[in-house]
Amino acid sequence: MSENSIALIFSCPLFGAVLCTLLGRTKRHLCHPVAVASLGGALWGGIETLRRVVASESHDIVYLLGGWTLDSYPRGVGIEFRADLLGTLIMLVVIGVAFLVALYSKLTVSEETPEKEGPFYTLFLLQVTGLAGICLTGDAFNLYVLIEVAALTGYGLIAMGSARAAAATFNYVILG
């Protein structure tokens, strides 16, 4: 299981976001535990990835998503995640802070954005997926895609606030 630990970093919050979307309309009270559990799984995957990076000779591991191999396809074809020591540590900080934010966000989310727990946790988990992916991506195309994911979900999170939030979000979209 440890050879797939990099995939857990992205798949746990991604599937958690899908689950929060599905639960958001009917069982909103379950979105918070789903978000905390999926970020806990991502944090475990990040810690396991750090353990693997430290144990490797080069302090660098490569994970090719989807069964791509460097023997049959040139580098840059497919989705490549590269975990080195610095990128893994930054990714652990991102996921660790997101885990703590999700843990203590239940009361604030229900007060600030009533009736929107599902969309909030969906966007939050997608943003964590994008930010963690930025830290570990191995090619420029996926870096661009993950920056866009992080930016667009950030715009969505800002727009969820009060009536003035829509105007602020528009300013961010124009400037960003």
C-alpha atoms as a PDB file:
ATOM      1  CA  MET A   1       0.000   0.000   0.000  1.00  0.00           C
ATOM      2  CA  SER A   2       2.854   2.384   0.634  1.00  0.00           C
ATOM      3  CA  GLU A   3       3.800   2.521  -3.060  1.00  0.00           C
ATOM      4  CA  ASN A   4       0.397   4.123  -3.728  1.00  0.00           C
ATOM      5  CA  SER A   5       0.604   6.608  -0.867  1.00  0.00           C
ATOM      6  CA  ILE A   6       1.007   9.546  -3.258  1.00  0.00           C
ATOM      7  CA  ALA A   7      -2.295   8.634  -4.903  1.00  0.00           C
ATOM      8  CA  LEU A   8      -4.035   8.753  -1.510  1.00  0.00           C
ATOM      9  CA  ILE A   9      -3.013  12.381  -1.096  1.00  0.00           C
ATOM     10  CA  PHE A  10      -5.197  13.316  -4.070  1.00  0.00           C
ATOM     11  CA  SER A  11      -7.851  10.613  -4.167  1.00  0.00           C
ATOM     12  CA  CYS A  12      -9.072  10.982  -0.569  1.00  0.00           C
ATOM     13  CA  PRO A  13     -10.027  14.687  -0.810  1.00  0.00           C
ATOM     14  CA  LEU A  14     -11.268  14.250  -4.375  1.00  0.00           C
ATOM     15  CA  PHE A  15     -13.651  11.419  -3.457  1.00  0.00           C
ATOM     16  CA  GLY A  16     -14.587  13.303  -0.285  1.00  0.00           C
ATOM     17  CA  ALA A  17     -15.578  16.288  -2.430  1.00  0.00           C
ATOM     18  CA  VAL A  18     -17.763  14.074  -4.618  1.00  0.00           C
ATOM     19  CA  LEU A  19     -19.382  12.575  -1.519  1.00  0.00           C
ATOM     20  CA  CYS A  20     -19.990  16.040  -0.021  1.00  0.00           C
ATOM     21  CA  THR A  21     -21.649  17.082  -3.266  1.00  0.00           C
ATOM     22  CA  LEU A  22     -23.968  14.077  -3.115  1.00  0.00           C
ATOM     23  CA  LEU A  23     -24.731  14.502   0.592  1.00  0.00           C
ATOM     24  CA  GLY A  24     -25.019  18.293   0.451  1.00  0.00           C
ATOM     25  CA  ARG A  25     -28.691  18.392  -0.462  1.00  0.00           C
ATOM     26  CA  THR A  26     -30.141  15.777   1.844  1.00  0.00           C
ATOM     27  CA  LYS A  27     -27.732  15.038   4.704  1.00  0.00           C
ATOM     28  CA  ARG A  28     -25.683  18.197   5.179  1.00  0.00           C
ATOM     29  CA  HIS A  29     -24.669  17.191   8.696  1.00  0.00           C
ATOM     30  CA  LEU A  30     -22.513  14.389   7.236  1.00  0.00           C
ATOM     31  CA  CYS A  31     -20.370  16.704   5.090  1.00  0.00           C
ATOM     32  CA  HIS A  32     -18.156  17.784   7.995  1.00  0.00           C
ATOM     33  CA  PRO A  33     -17.223  14.223   9.078  1.00  0.00           C
ATOM     34  CA  VAL A  34     -16.613  13.259   5.442  1.00  0.00           C
ATOM     35  CA  ALA A  35     -14.288  16.244   4.976  1.00  0.00           C
ATOM     36  CA  VAL A  36     -12.362  15.494   8.179  1.00  0.00           C
ATOM     37  CA  ALA A  37     -12.064  11.792   7.317  1.00  0.00           C
ATOM     38  CA  SER A  38     -10.908  12.442   3.750  1.00  0.00           C
ATOM     39  CA  LEU A  39      -8.311  14.965   4.910  1.00  0.00           C
ATOM     40  CA  GLY A  40      -7.202  12.474   7.559  1.00  0.00           C
ATOM     41  CA  GLY A  41      -6.666   9.906   4.805  1.00  0.00           C
ATOM     42  CA  ALA A  42      -4.724  12.443   2.760  1.00  0.00           C
ATOM     43  CA  LEU A  43      -2.624  13.328   5.806  1.00  0.00           C
ATOM     44  CA  TRP A  44      -1.846   9.653   6.357  1.00  0.00           C
ATOM     45  CA  GLY A  45      -0.865   9.322   2.694  1.00  0.00           C
ATOM     46  CA  GLY A  46       1.350  12.394   3.026  1.00  0.00           C
ATOM     47  CA  ILE A  47       3.106  11.038   6.117  1.00  0.00           C
ATOM     48  CA  GLU A  48       3.648   7.700   4.394  1.00  0.00           C
ATOM     49  CA  THR A  49       5.006   9.507   1.323  1.00  0.00           C
ATOM     50  CA  LEU A  50       7.418  11.477   3.516  1.00  0.00           C
ATOM     51  CA  ARG A  51       8.576   8.215   5.093  1.00  0.00           C
ATOM     52  CA  ARG A  52       9.206   6.757   1.636  1.00  0.00           C
ATOM     53  CA  VAL A  53      11.040   9.880   0.425  1.00  0.00           C
ATOM     54  CA  VAL A  54      13.338   9.896   3.455  1.00  0.00           C
ATOM     55  CA  ALA A  55      14.010   6.165   3.049  1.00  0.00           C
ATOM     56  CA  SER A  56      14.902   6.387  -0.650  1.00  0.00           C
ATOM     57  CA  GLU A  57      18.516   6.866  -1.706  1.00  0.00           C
ATOM     58  CA  SER A  58      17.855   9.898  -3.882  1.00  0.00           C
ATOM     59  CA  HIS A  59      15.225  11.429  -1.532  1.00  0.00           C
ATOM     60  CA  ASP A  60      12.959  11.522  -4.561  1.00  0.00           C
ATOM     61  CA  ILE A  61      10.140   9.201  -5.663  1.00  0.00           C
ATOM     62  CA  VAL A  62       8.123   9.250  -8.881  1.00  0.00           C
ATOM     63  CA  TYR A  63       4.554   8.014  -9.212  1.00  0.00           C
ATOM     64  CA  LEU A  64       3.025   7.656 -12.675  1.00  0.00           C
ATOM     65  CA  LEU A  65      -0.742   7.693 -12.391  1.00  0.00           C
ATOM     66  CA  GLY A  66      -2.771   5.363 -14.568  1.00  0.00           C
ATOM     67  CA  GLY A  67      -0.185   2.711 -15.360  1.00  0.00           C
ATOM     68  CA  TRP A  68       2.049   4.828 -17.595  1.00  0.00           C
ATOM     69  CA  THR A  69       5.637   3.645 -17.768  1.00  0.00           C
ATOM     70  CA  LEU A  70       8.741   5.509 -18.797  1.00  0.00           C
ATOM     71  CA  ASP A  71       9.755   2.515 -20.945  1.00  0.00           C
ATOM     72  CA  SER A  72       6.810   2.692 -23.334  1.00  0.00           C
ATOM     73  CA  TYR A  73       6.052   6.440 -23.287  1.00  0.00           C
ATOM     74  CA  PRO A  74       8.346   9.472 -23.213  1.00  0.00           C
ATOM     75  CA  ARG A  75       8.646  11.613 -20.106  1.00  0.00           C
ATOM     76  CA  GLY A  76       5.876  14.179 -19.912  1.00  0.00           C
ATOM     77  CA  VAL A  77       3.173  11.889 -21.292  1.00  0.00           C
ATOM     78  CA  GLY A  78       0.599  11.063 -18.644  1.00  0.00           C
ATOM     79  CA  ILE A  79       0.209  12.304 -15.096  1.00  0.00           C
ATOM     80  CA  GLU A  80       3.451  12.250 -13.149  1.00  0.00           C
ATOM     81  CA  PHE A  81       3.798  13.060  -9.462  1.00  0.00           C
ATOM     82  CA  ARG A  82       7.301  13.639  -8.147  1.00  0.00           C
ATOM     83  CA  ALA A  83       7.813  13.762  -4.387  1.00  0.00           C
ATOM     84  CA  ASP A  84      11.067  15.206  -3.151  1.00  0.00           C
ATOM     85  CA  LEU A  85      11.825  16.241   0.403  1.00  0.00           C
ATOM     86  CA  LEU A  86      10.898  19.935   0.079  1.00  0.00           C
ATOM     87  CA  GLY A  87       7.718  19.378  -1.941  1.00  0.00           C
ATOM     88  CA  THR A  88       6.556  16.666   0.441  1.00  0.00           C
ATOM     89  CA  LEU A  89       7.139  18.841   3.497  1.00  0.00           C
ATOM     90  CA  ILE A  90       5.242  21.760   1.946  1.00  0.00           C
ATOM     91  CA  MET A  91       2.409  19.417   0.948  1.00  0.00           C
ATOM     92  CA  LEU A  92       2.262  18.081   4.526  1.00  0.00           C
ATOM     93  CA  VAL A  93       1.961  21.629   5.859  1.00  0.00           C
ATOM     94  CA  VAL A  94      -0.872  22.333   3.394  1.00  0.00           C
ATOM     95  CA  ILE A  95      -2.789  19.181   4.288  1.00  0.00           C
ATOM     96  CA  GLY A  96      -2.047  19.489   8.012  1.00  0.00           C
ATOM     97  CA  VAL A  97      -3.381  23.046   8.169  1.00  0.00           C
ATOM     98  CA  ALA A  98      -6.398  22.050   6.054  1.00  0.00           C
ATOM     99  CA  PHE A  99      -7.074  19.131   8.418  1.00  0.00           C
ATOM    100  CA  LEU A 100      -7.021  21.471  11.435  1.00  0.00           C
ATOM    101  CA  VAL A 101      -9.226  24.004   9.641  1.00  0.00           C
ATOM    102  CA  ALA A 102     -11.730  21.282   8.726  1.00  0.00           C
ATOM    103  CA  LEU A 103     -11.694  19.935  12.271  1.00  0.00           C
ATOM    104  CA  TYR A 104     -12.661  23.272  13.793  1.00  0.00           C
ATOM    105  CA  SER A 105     -14.817  24.658  10.976  1.00  0.00           C
ATOM    106  CA  LYS A 106     -18.152  23.039  11.787  1.00  0.00           C
ATOM    107  CA  LEU A 107     -19.592  25.848  13.911  1.00  0.00           C
ATOM    108  CA  THR A 108     -18.260  28.681  11.758  1.00  0.00           C
ATOM    109  CA  VAL A 109     -19.482  27.175   8.487  1.00  0.00           C
ATOM    110  CA  SER A 110     -23.008  26.642   9.817  1.00  0.00           C
ATOM    111  CA  GLU A 111     -23.108  30.253  11.132  1.00  0.00           C
ATOM    112  CA  GLU A 112     -21.458  32.050   8.196  1.00  0.00           C
ATOM    113  CA  THR A 113     -22.960  30.072   5.324  1.00  0.00           C
ATOM    114  CA  PRO A 114     -26.176  28.443   6.541  1.00  0.00           C
ATOM    115  CA  GLU A 115     -27.595  25.837   4.191  1.00  0.00           C
ATOM    116  CA  LYS A 116     -24.303  25.720   2.234  1.00  0.00           C
ATOM    117  CA  GLU A 117     -22.260  23.162   4.153  1.00  0.00           C
ATOM    118  CA  GLY A 118     -22.183  20.770   1.200  1.00  0.00           C
ATOM    119  CA  PRO A 119     -20.860  23.269  -1.355  1.00  0.00           C
ATOM    120  CA  PHE A 120     -18.396  24.719   1.171  1.00  0.00           C
ATOM    121  CA  TYR A 121     -16.790  21.395   2.019  1.00  0.00           C
ATOM    122  CA  THR A 122     -16.824  20.353  -1.645  1.00  0.00           C
ATOM    123  CA  LEU A 123     -14.920  23.472  -2.696  1.00  0.00           C
ATOM    124  CA  PHE A 124     -12.637  23.268   0.333  1.00  0.00           C
ATOM    125  CA  LEU A 125     -11.622  19.678  -0.452  1.00  0.00           C
ATOM    126  CA  LEU A 126     -11.106  20.482  -4.131  1.00  0.00           C
ATOM    127  CA  GLN A 127      -8.901  23.418  -3.178  1.00  0.00           C
ATOM    128  CA  VAL A 128      -6.804  21.212  -0.898  1.00  0.00           C
ATOM    129  CA  THR A 129      -6.483  18.710  -3.748  1.00  0.00           C
ATOM    130  CA  GLY A 130      -5.259  21.464  -6.063  1.00  0.00           C
ATOM    131  CA  LEU A 131      -2.801  22.908  -3.551  1.00  0.00           C
ATOM    132  CA  ALA A 132      -1.368  19.495  -2.664  1.00  0.00           C
ATOM    133  CA  GLY A 133      -1.066  18.676  -6.360  1.00  0.00           C
ATOM    134  CA  ILE A 134       0.849  21.888  -7.007  1.00  0.00           C
ATOM    135  CA  CYS A 135       3.444  20.736  -4.472  1.00  0.00           C
ATOM    136  CA  LEU A 136       3.957  17.306  -6.038  1.00  0.00           C
ATOM    137  CA  THR A 137       3.259  17.546  -9.760  1.00  0.00           C
ATOM    138  CA  GLY A 138       5.981  16.453 -12.124  1.00  0.00           C
ATOM    139  CA  ASP A 139       5.059  18.320 -15.317  1.00  0.00           C
ATOM    140  CA  ALA A 140       4.050  21.802 -16.426  1.00  0.00           C
ATOM    141  CA  PHE A 141       0.639  20.936 -17.890  1.00  0.00           C
ATOM    142  CA  ASN A 142      -0.641  19.394 -14.679  1.00  0.00           C
ATOM    143  CA  LEU A 143       0.853  22.298 -12.722  1.00  0.00           C
ATOM    144  CA  TYR A 144      -1.253  24.671 -14.832  1.00  0.00           C
ATOM    145  CA  VAL A 145      -4.390  22.554 -14.340  1.00  0.00           C
ATOM    146  CA  LEU A 146      -3.869  22.338 -10.581  1.00  0.00           C
ATOM    147  CA  ILE A 147      -3.252  26.087 -10.285  1.00  0.00           C
ATOM    148  CA  GLU A 148      -6.553  26.642 -12.102  1.00  0.00           C
ATOM    149  CA  VAL A 149      -8.348  24.184  -9.804  1.00  0.00           C
ATOM    150  CA  ALA A 150      -6.976  25.946  -6.723  1.00  0.00           C
ATOM    151  CA  ALA A 151      -7.823  29.402  -8.101  1.00  0.00           C
ATOM    152  CA  LEU A 152     -11.368  28.584  -9.223  1.00  0.00           C
ATOM    153  CA  THR A 153     -12.261  26.856  -5.972  1.00  0.00           C
ATOM    154  CA  GLY A 154     -10.829  29.820  -4.092  1.00  0.00           C
ATOM    155  CA  TYR A 155     -13.108  32.129  -6.076  1.00  0.00           C
ATOM    156  CA  GLY A 156     -16.054  29.899  -5.220  1.00  0.00           C
ATOM    157  CA  LEU A 157     -15.209  29.918  -1.521  1.00  0.00           C
ATOM    158  CA  ILE A 158     -14.941  33.713  -1.499  1.00  0.00           C
ATOM    159  CA  ALA A 159     -18.286  34.048  -3.310  1.00  0.00           C
ATOM    160  CA  MET A 160     -20.098  32.050  -0.617  1.00  0.00           C
ATOM    161  CA  GLY A 161     -19.972  34.865   1.905  1.00  0.00           C
ATOM    162  CA  SER A 162     -22.242  37.869   2.302  1.00  0.00           C
ATOM    163  CA  ALA A 163     -23.816  39.967  -0.443  1.00  0.00           C
ATOM    164  CA  ARG A 164     -20.571  41.913  -0.872  1.00  0.00           C
ATOM    165  CA  ALA A 165     -18.694  38.674  -1.538  1.00  0.00           C
ATOM    166  CA  ALA A 166     -19.879  38.460  -5.141  1.00  0.00           C
ATOM    167  CA  ALA A 167     -18.337  41.837  -5.989  1.00  0.00           C
ATOM    168  CA  ALA A 168     -15.113  40.885  -4.208  1.00  0.00           C
ATOM    169  CA  THR A 169     -14.979  37.612  -6.113  1.00  0.00           C
ATOM    170  CA  PHE A 170     -15.428  39.436  -9.406  1.00  0.00           C
ATOM    171  CA  ASN A 171     -12.475  41.676  -8.522  1.00  0.00           C
ATOM    172  CA  TYR A 172     -10.344  38.608  -7.751  1.00  0.00           C
ATOM    173  CA  VAL A 173     -11.331  36.959 -11.044  1.00  0.00           C
ATOM    174  CA  ILE A 174     -10.423  40.062 -13.035  1.00  0.00           C
ATOM    175  CA  LEU A 175      -7.110  40.576 -11.229  1.00  0.00           C
ATOM    176  CA  GLY A 176      -6.214  36.880 -10.979  1.00  0.00           C
END
